[in-house]
Amino acid sequence: MNLVRSYQNWRRYRETVSELNRLSQRELADLGIARTDIPAVARRTVI
């Protein structure tokens, strides 16, 4: 079960990073996210 949860968390992380990377600088700024913050924001989605 732990392996399945880890895989699901990894997938959610990768999807979040991918979606955020598709946004423009302007869209990210509107959300208050710097491009360098994307990994940290994505990590918070899997907690």
PDB file of N, CA and C in Angstrom:
ATOM      1  N   MET A   1       0.819  -1.194   0.000  1.00  0.00           N
ATOM      2  CA  MET A   1       0.000   0.000   0.000  1.00  0.00           C
ATOM      3  C   MET A   1       0.863   1.258   0.000  1.00  0.00           C
ATOM      4  N   ASN A   2       1.944   1.257   0.739  1.00  0.00           N
ATOM      5  CA  ASN A   2       2.838   2.399   0.793  1.00  0.00           C
ATOM      6  C   ASN A   2       3.444   2.707  -0.576  1.00  0.00           C
ATOM      7  N   LEU A   3       3.761   1.669  -1.322  1.00  0.00           N
ATOM      8  CA  LEU A   3       4.328   1.846  -2.656  1.00  0.00           C
ATOM      9  C   LEU A   3       3.312   2.518  -3.576  1.00  0.00           C
ATOM     10  N   VAL A   4       2.070   2.109  -3.494  1.00  0.00           N
ATOM     11  CA  VAL A   4       1.016   2.703  -4.314  1.00  0.00           C
ATOM     12  C   VAL A   4       0.836   4.174  -3.951  1.00  0.00           C
ATOM     13  N   ARG A   5       0.795   4.476  -2.675  1.00  0.00           N
ATOM     14  CA  ARG A   5       0.636   5.866  -2.229  1.00  0.00           C
ATOM     15  C   ARG A   5       1.822   6.712  -2.686  1.00  0.00           C
ATOM     16  N   SER A   6       3.012   6.174  -2.598  1.00  0.00           N
ATOM     17  CA  SER A   6       4.203   6.908  -3.038  1.00  0.00           C
ATOM     18  C   SER A   6       4.131   7.216  -4.531  1.00  0.00           C
ATOM     19  N   TYR A   7       3.698   6.252  -5.310  1.00  0.00           N
ATOM     20  CA  TYR A   7       3.561   6.451  -6.754  1.00  0.00           C
ATOM     21  C   TYR A   7       2.508   7.513  -7.059  1.00  0.00           C
ATOM     22  N   GLN A   8       1.375   7.459  -6.362  1.00  0.00           N
ATOM     23  CA  GLN A   8       0.315   8.438  -6.562  1.00  0.00           C
ATOM     24  C   GLN A   8       0.804   9.847  -6.203  1.00  0.00           C
ATOM     25  N   ASN A   9       1.534   9.951  -5.120  1.00  0.00           N
ATOM     26  CA  ASN A   9       2.088  11.249  -4.717  1.00  0.00           C
ATOM     27  C   ASN A   9       3.075  11.768  -5.746  1.00  0.00           C
ATOM     28  N   TRP A  10       3.917  10.901  -6.269  1.00  0.00           N
ATOM     29  CA  TRP A  10       4.892  11.290  -7.283  1.00  0.00           C
ATOM     30  C   TRP A  10       4.177  11.791  -8.538  1.00  0.00           C
ATOM     31  N   ARG A  11       3.138  11.068  -8.950  1.00  0.00           N
ATOM     32  CA  ARG A  11       2.372  11.480 -10.132  1.00  0.00           C
ATOM     33  C   ARG A  11       1.710  12.823  -9.913  1.00  0.00           C
ATOM     34  N   ARG A  12       1.113  13.040  -8.751  1.00  0.00           N
ATOM     35  CA  ARG A  12       0.460  14.314  -8.443  1.00  0.00           C
ATOM     36  C   ARG A  12       1.492  15.449  -8.461  1.00  0.00           C
ATOM     37  N   TYR A  13       2.667  15.189  -7.908  1.00  0.00           N
ATOM     38  CA  TYR A  13       3.748  16.176  -7.910  1.00  0.00           C
ATOM     39  C   TYR A  13       4.129  16.536  -9.345  1.00  0.00           C
ATOM     40  N   ARG A  14       4.384  15.519 -10.177  1.00  0.00           N
ATOM     41  CA  ARG A  14       4.796  15.762 -11.562  1.00  0.00           C
ATOM     42  C   ARG A  14       3.723  16.497 -12.356  1.00  0.00           C
ATOM     43  N   GLU A  15       2.458  16.148 -12.152  1.00  0.00           N
ATOM     44  CA  GLU A  15       1.366  16.825 -12.849  1.00  0.00           C
ATOM     45  C   GLU A  15       1.285  18.293 -12.437  1.00  0.00           C
ATOM     46  N   THR A  16       1.464  18.548 -11.158  1.00  0.00           N
ATOM     47  CA  THR A  16       1.408  19.920 -10.667  1.00  0.00           C
ATOM     48  C   THR A  16       2.556  20.738 -11.235  1.00  0.00           C
ATOM     49  N   VAL A  17       3.761  20.184 -11.219  1.00  0.00           N
ATOM     50  CA  VAL A  17       4.923  20.885 -11.791  1.00  0.00           C
ATOM     51  C   VAL A  17       4.681  21.162 -13.270  1.00  0.00           C
ATOM     52  N   SER A  18       4.186  20.189 -13.982  1.00  0.00           N
ATOM     53  CA  SER A  18       3.942  20.346 -15.410  1.00  0.00           C
ATOM     54  C   SER A  18       2.906  21.440 -15.681  1.00  0.00           C
ATOM     55  N   GLU A  19       1.812  21.426 -14.938  1.00  0.00           N
ATOM     56  CA  GLU A  19       0.764  22.436 -15.130  1.00  0.00           C
ATOM     57  C   GLU A  19       1.276  23.840 -14.810  1.00  0.00           C
ATOM     58  N   LEU A  20       2.003  23.970 -13.724  1.00  0.00           N
ATOM     59  CA  LEU A  20       2.521  25.285 -13.360  1.00  0.00           C
ATOM     60  C   LEU A  20       3.560  25.776 -14.368  1.00  0.00           C
ATOM     61  N   ASN A  21       4.355  24.876 -14.898  1.00  0.00           N
ATOM     62  CA  ASN A  21       5.361  25.275 -15.894  1.00  0.00           C
ATOM     63  C   ASN A  21       4.733  25.756 -17.193  1.00  0.00           C
ATOM     64  N   ARG A  22       3.504  25.341 -17.467  1.00  0.00           N
ATOM     65  CA  ARG A  22       2.808  25.785 -18.675  1.00  0.00           C
ATOM     66  C   ARG A  22       2.316  27.231 -18.567  1.00  0.00           C
ATOM     67  N   LEU A  23       2.228  27.746 -17.343  1.00  0.00           N
ATOM     68  CA  LEU A  23       1.737  29.108 -17.154  1.00  0.00           C
ATOM     69  C   LEU A  23       2.801  30.131 -17.538  1.00  0.00           C
ATOM     70  N   SER A  24       2.343  31.281 -17.965  1.00  0.00           N
ATOM     71  CA  SER A  24       3.278  32.362 -18.305  1.00  0.00           C
ATOM     72  C   SER A  24       3.775  33.022 -17.025  1.00  0.00           C
ATOM     73  N   GLN A  25       4.814  33.837 -17.175  1.00  0.00           N
ATOM     74  CA  GLN A  25       5.340  34.582 -16.028  1.00  0.00           C
ATOM     75  C   GLN A  25       4.248  35.460 -15.422  1.00  0.00           C
ATOM     76  N   ARG A  26       3.462  36.053 -16.272  1.00  0.00           N
ATOM     77  CA  ARG A  26       2.378  36.938 -15.813  1.00  0.00           C
ATOM     78  C   ARG A  26       1.337  36.163 -14.999  1.00  0.00           C
ATOM     79  N   GLU A  27       0.946  34.995 -15.488  1.00  0.00           N
ATOM     80  CA  GLU A  27      -0.037  34.183 -14.771  1.00  0.00           C
ATOM     81  C   GLU A  27       0.510  33.728 -13.423  1.00  0.00           C
ATOM     82  N   LEU A  28       1.777  33.325 -13.410  1.00  0.00           N
ATOM     83  CA  LEU A  28       2.394  32.914 -12.153  1.00  0.00           C
ATOM     84  C   LEU A  28       2.455  34.088 -11.174  1.00  0.00           C
ATOM     85  N   ALA A  29       2.798  35.273 -11.687  1.00  0.00           N
ATOM     86  CA  ALA A  29       2.866  36.457 -10.831  1.00  0.00           C
ATOM     87  C   ALA A  29       1.487  36.782 -10.249  1.00  0.00           C
ATOM     88  N   ASP A  30       0.449  36.607 -11.050  1.00  0.00           N
ATOM     89  CA  ASP A  30      -0.913  36.839 -10.558  1.00  0.00           C
ATOM     90  C   ASP A  30      -1.259  35.893  -9.413  1.00  0.00           C
ATOM     91  N   LEU A  31      -0.693  34.693  -9.454  1.00  0.00           N
ATOM     92  CA  LEU A  31      -0.921  33.703  -8.395  1.00  0.00           C
ATOM     93  C   LEU A  31       0.040  33.885  -7.221  1.00  0.00           C
ATOM     94  N   GLY A  32       1.031  34.744  -7.398  1.00  0.00           N
ATOM     95  CA  GLY A  32       2.012  34.973  -6.348  1.00  0.00           C
ATOM     96  C   GLY A  32       3.058  33.881  -6.270  1.00  0.00           C
ATOM     97  N   ILE A  33       3.340  33.263  -7.414  1.00  0.00           N
ATOM     98  CA  ILE A  33       4.313  32.169  -7.472  1.00  0.00           C
ATOM     99  C   ILE A  33       5.447  32.560  -8.408  1.00  0.00           C
ATOM    100  N   ALA A  34       6.666  32.439  -7.929  1.00  0.00           N
ATOM    101  CA  ALA A  34       7.834  32.629  -8.794  1.00  0.00           C
ATOM    102  C   ALA A  34       8.148  31.284  -9.451  1.00  0.00           C
ATOM    103  N   ARG A  35       8.707  31.332 -10.633  1.00  0.00           N
ATOM    104  CA  ARG A  35       9.015  30.086 -11.344  1.00  0.00           C
ATOM    105  C   ARG A  35       9.930  29.181 -10.509  1.00  0.00           C
ATOM    106  N   THR A  36      10.821  29.785  -9.733  1.00  0.00           N
ATOM    107  CA  THR A  36      11.724  28.984  -8.894  1.00  0.00           C
ATOM    108  C   THR A  36      11.000  28.334  -7.717  1.00  0.00           C
ATOM    109  N   ASP A  37       9.792  28.799  -7.411  1.00  0.00           N
ATOM    110  CA  ASP A  37       9.010  28.236  -6.309  1.00  0.00           C
ATOM    111  C   ASP A  37       8.152  27.046  -6.723  1.00  0.00           C
ATOM    112  N   ILE A  38       8.085  26.754  -8.003  1.00  0.00           N
ATOM    113  CA  ILE A  38       7.194  25.697  -8.489  1.00  0.00           C
ATOM    114  C   ILE A  38       7.439  24.354  -7.799  1.00  0.00           C
ATOM    115  N   PRO A  39       8.681  23.869  -7.675  1.00  0.00           N
ATOM    116  CA  PRO A  39       8.865  22.580  -6.985  1.00  0.00           C
ATOM    117  C   PRO A  39       8.341  22.571  -5.557  1.00  0.00           C
ATOM    118  N   ALA A  40       8.550  23.664  -4.836  1.00  0.00           N
ATOM    119  CA  ALA A  40       8.079  23.736  -3.449  1.00  0.00           C
ATOM    120  C   ALA A  40       6.555  23.750  -3.388  1.00  0.00           C
ATOM    121  N   VAL A  41       5.932  24.481  -4.283  1.00  0.00           N
ATOM    122  CA  VAL A  41       4.474  24.521  -4.322  1.00  0.00           C
ATOM    123  C   VAL A  41       3.933  23.134  -4.661  1.00  0.00           C
ATOM    124  N   ALA A  42       4.556  22.459  -5.605  1.00  0.00           N
ATOM    125  CA  ALA A  42       4.112  21.123  -5.987  1.00  0.00           C
ATOM    126  C   ALA A  42       4.285  20.130  -4.843  1.00  0.00           C
ATOM    127  N   ARG A  43       5.365  20.249  -4.092  1.00  0.00           N
ATOM    128  CA  ARG A  43       5.570  19.348  -2.948  1.00  0.00           C
ATOM    129  C   ARG A  43       4.462  19.509  -1.913  1.00  0.00           C
ATOM    130  N   ARG A  44       3.996  20.744  -1.739  1.00  0.00           N
ATOM    131  CA  ARG A  44       2.916  20.974  -0.765  1.00  0.00           C
ATOM    132  C   ARG A  44       1.608  20.332  -1.195  1.00  0.00           C
ATOM    133  N   THR A  45       1.441  20.049  -2.470  1.00  0.00           N
ATOM    134  CA  THR A  45       0.186  19.421  -2.931  1.00  0.00           C
ATOM    135  C   THR A  45       0.110  17.947  -2.548  1.00  0.00           C
ATOM    136  N   VAL A  46       1.234  17.338  -2.249  1.00  0.00           N
ATOM    137  CA  VAL A  46       1.215  15.896  -1.947  1.00  0.00           C
ATOM    138  C   VAL A  46       1.335  15.597  -0.459  1.00  0.00           C
ATOM    139  N   ILE A  47       1.305  16.621   0.354  1.00  0.00           N
ATOM    140  CA  ILE A  47       1.401  16.391   1.799  1.00  0.00           C
ATOM    141  C   ILE A  47       0.070  15.948   2.338  1.00  0.00           C
TER     142      ILE A  47
END
